[in-house]
Amino acid sequence: VGMHSPMETLEKLLLLDSVDDVQVVGICGMGGIGKTTLATALYDRNSHQFDACCFIDDVSKICGRYGPIGAQKQILH
């Protein structure tokens, strides 16, 4: 509910029509306001446009457990 406007805003910022560009999104804010929900919806809606893509919903958790190399390995996998 209410995801349409934030999705449009993020898609404009991503310049999804650009060719041969790497796109990275970081969403930050207070807990419980729908950051992960918004990021998941954005990923699901647009990931098919890319040859390769990766979604990590909690980078701090991955880095805390496996270090930054662990996060890099997940992205490359």
C-alpha atoms as a PDB file:
ATOM      1  CA  VAL A   1       0.000   0.000   0.000  1.00  0.00           C
ATOM      2  CA  GLY A   2       1.366   3.413  -0.925  1.00  0.00           C
ATOM      3  CA  MET A   3       4.404   2.083  -2.805  1.00  0.00           C
ATOM      4  CA  HIS A   4       3.636   3.588  -6.207  1.00  0.00           C
ATOM      5  CA  SER A   5       4.962   7.109  -5.555  1.00  0.00           C
ATOM      6  CA  PRO A   6       8.211   6.073  -3.796  1.00  0.00           C
ATOM      7  CA  MET A   7       8.844   3.471  -6.526  1.00  0.00           C
ATOM      8  CA  GLU A   8       8.484   6.081  -9.262  1.00  0.00           C
ATOM      9  CA  THR A   9      10.821   8.445  -7.411  1.00  0.00           C
ATOM     10  CA  LEU A  10      13.514   5.777  -7.007  1.00  0.00           C
ATOM     11  CA  GLU A  11      13.204   4.637 -10.616  1.00  0.00           C
ATOM     12  CA  LYS A  12      13.747   8.214 -11.813  1.00  0.00           C
ATOM     13  CA  LEU A  13      16.837   8.525  -9.612  1.00  0.00           C
ATOM     14  CA  LEU A  14      18.234   5.255 -10.951  1.00  0.00           C
ATOM     15  CA  LEU A  15      18.143   6.436 -14.571  1.00  0.00           C
ATOM     16  CA  LEU A  16      17.080   2.934 -15.639  1.00  0.00           C
ATOM     17  CA  ASP A  17      17.140   3.920 -19.319  1.00  0.00           C
ATOM     18  CA  SER A  18      20.914   4.533 -19.162  1.00  0.00           C
ATOM     19  CA  VAL A  19      23.046   2.094 -21.116  1.00  0.00           C
ATOM     20  CA  ASP A  20      26.111   0.277 -19.756  1.00  0.00           C
ATOM     21  CA  ASP A  21      25.938   1.822 -16.289  1.00  0.00           C
ATOM     22  CA  VAL A  22      26.252   0.146 -12.901  1.00  0.00           C
ATOM     23  CA  GLN A  23      23.356   0.980 -10.625  1.00  0.00           C
ATOM     24  CA  VAL A  24      23.531   0.825  -6.835  1.00  0.00           C
ATOM     25  CA  VAL A  25      20.833   1.841  -4.368  1.00  0.00           C
ATOM     26  CA  GLY A  26      21.216   2.436  -0.656  1.00  0.00           C
ATOM     27  CA  ILE A  27      18.091   3.109   1.408  1.00  0.00           C
ATOM     28  CA  CYS A  28      18.490   4.239   4.997  1.00  0.00           C
ATOM     29  CA  GLY A  29      16.110   5.356   7.704  1.00  0.00           C
ATOM     30  CA  MET A  30      14.452   4.375  10.951  1.00  0.00           C
ATOM     31  CA  GLY A  31      13.471   0.759  11.505  1.00  0.00           C
ATOM     32  CA  GLY A  32       9.972  -0.304  10.566  1.00  0.00           C
ATOM     33  CA  ILE A  33       9.223   2.330   7.913  1.00  0.00           C
ATOM     34  CA  GLY A  34       9.280  -0.076   4.947  1.00  0.00           C
ATOM     35  CA  LYS A  35      12.822   0.243   3.590  1.00  0.00           C
ATOM     36  CA  THR A  36      13.211  -3.464   2.892  1.00  0.00           C
ATOM     37  CA  THR A  37       9.702  -3.702   1.454  1.00  0.00           C
ATOM     38  CA  LEU A  38      10.404  -0.802  -0.902  1.00  0.00           C
ATOM     39  CA  ALA A  39      13.798  -2.194  -1.907  1.00  0.00           C
ATOM     40  CA  THR A  40      12.355  -5.658  -2.552  1.00  0.00           C
ATOM     41  CA  ALA A  41       9.546  -4.236  -4.691  1.00  0.00           C
ATOM     42  CA  LEU A  42      12.010  -2.090  -6.659  1.00  0.00           C
ATOM     43  CA  TYR A  43      14.304  -5.082  -7.211  1.00  0.00           C
ATOM     44  CA  ASP A  44      11.460  -7.384  -8.256  1.00  0.00           C
ATOM     45  CA  ARG A  45      10.084  -4.803 -10.653  1.00  0.00           C
ATOM     46  CA  ASN A  46      13.388  -3.965 -12.379  1.00  0.00           C
ATOM     47  CA  SER A  47      15.925  -6.784 -11.960  1.00  0.00           C
ATOM     48  CA  HIS A  48      14.865  -8.500 -15.195  1.00  0.00           C
ATOM     49  CA  GLN A  49      16.341  -5.553 -17.141  1.00  0.00           C
ATOM     50  CA  PHE A  50      19.912  -6.442 -16.131  1.00  0.00           C
ATOM     51  CA  ASP A  51      22.256  -9.252 -17.130  1.00  0.00           C
ATOM     52  CA  ALA A  52      23.349  -9.700 -13.520  1.00  0.00           C
ATOM     53  CA  CYS A  53      21.907  -8.425 -10.277  1.00  0.00           C
ATOM     54  CA  CYS A  54      22.121  -9.049  -6.540  1.00  0.00           C
ATOM     55  CA  PHE A  55      19.871  -8.126  -3.632  1.00  0.00           C
ATOM     56  CA  ILE A  56      21.256  -8.010  -0.099  1.00  0.00           C
ATOM     57  CA  ASP A  57      18.578  -6.992   2.377  1.00  0.00           C
ATOM     58  CA  ASP A  58      20.855  -6.482   5.396  1.00  0.00           C
ATOM     59  CA  VAL A  59      24.453  -5.592   4.519  1.00  0.00           C
ATOM     60  CA  SER A  60      25.360  -4.835   8.147  1.00  0.00           C
ATOM     61  CA  LYS A  61      24.275  -8.342   9.193  1.00  0.00           C
ATOM     62  CA  ILE A  62      26.348  -9.978   6.434  1.00  0.00           C
ATOM     63  CA  CYS A  63      29.386  -7.788   7.215  1.00  0.00           C
ATOM     64  CA  GLY A  64      29.023  -8.403  10.944  1.00  0.00           C
ATOM     65  CA  ARG A  65      28.946 -12.156  10.497  1.00  0.00           C
ATOM     66  CA  TYR A  66      31.333 -12.666   7.570  1.00  0.00           C
ATOM     67  CA  GLY A  67      33.130  -9.323   7.206  1.00  0.00           C
ATOM     68  CA  PRO A  68      33.217  -7.156   4.096  1.00  0.00           C
ATOM     69  CA  ILE A  69      34.772 -10.003   2.104  1.00  0.00           C
ATOM     70  CA  GLY A  70      31.696 -12.101   2.906  1.00  0.00           C
ATOM     71  CA  ALA A  71      29.448  -9.395   1.459  1.00  0.00           C
ATOM     72  CA  GLN A  72      31.632  -9.211  -1.654  1.00  0.00           C
ATOM     73  CA  LYS A  73      31.434 -12.987  -2.068  1.00  0.00           C
ATOM     74  CA  GLN A  74      27.643 -12.883  -1.835  1.00  0.00           C
ATOM     75  CA  ILE A  75      27.470 -10.150  -4.469  1.00  0.00           C
ATOM     76  CA  LEU A  76      29.800 -12.045  -6.812  1.00  0.00           C
ATOM     77  CA  HIS A  77      27.988 -15.328  -6.289  1.00  0.00           C
END
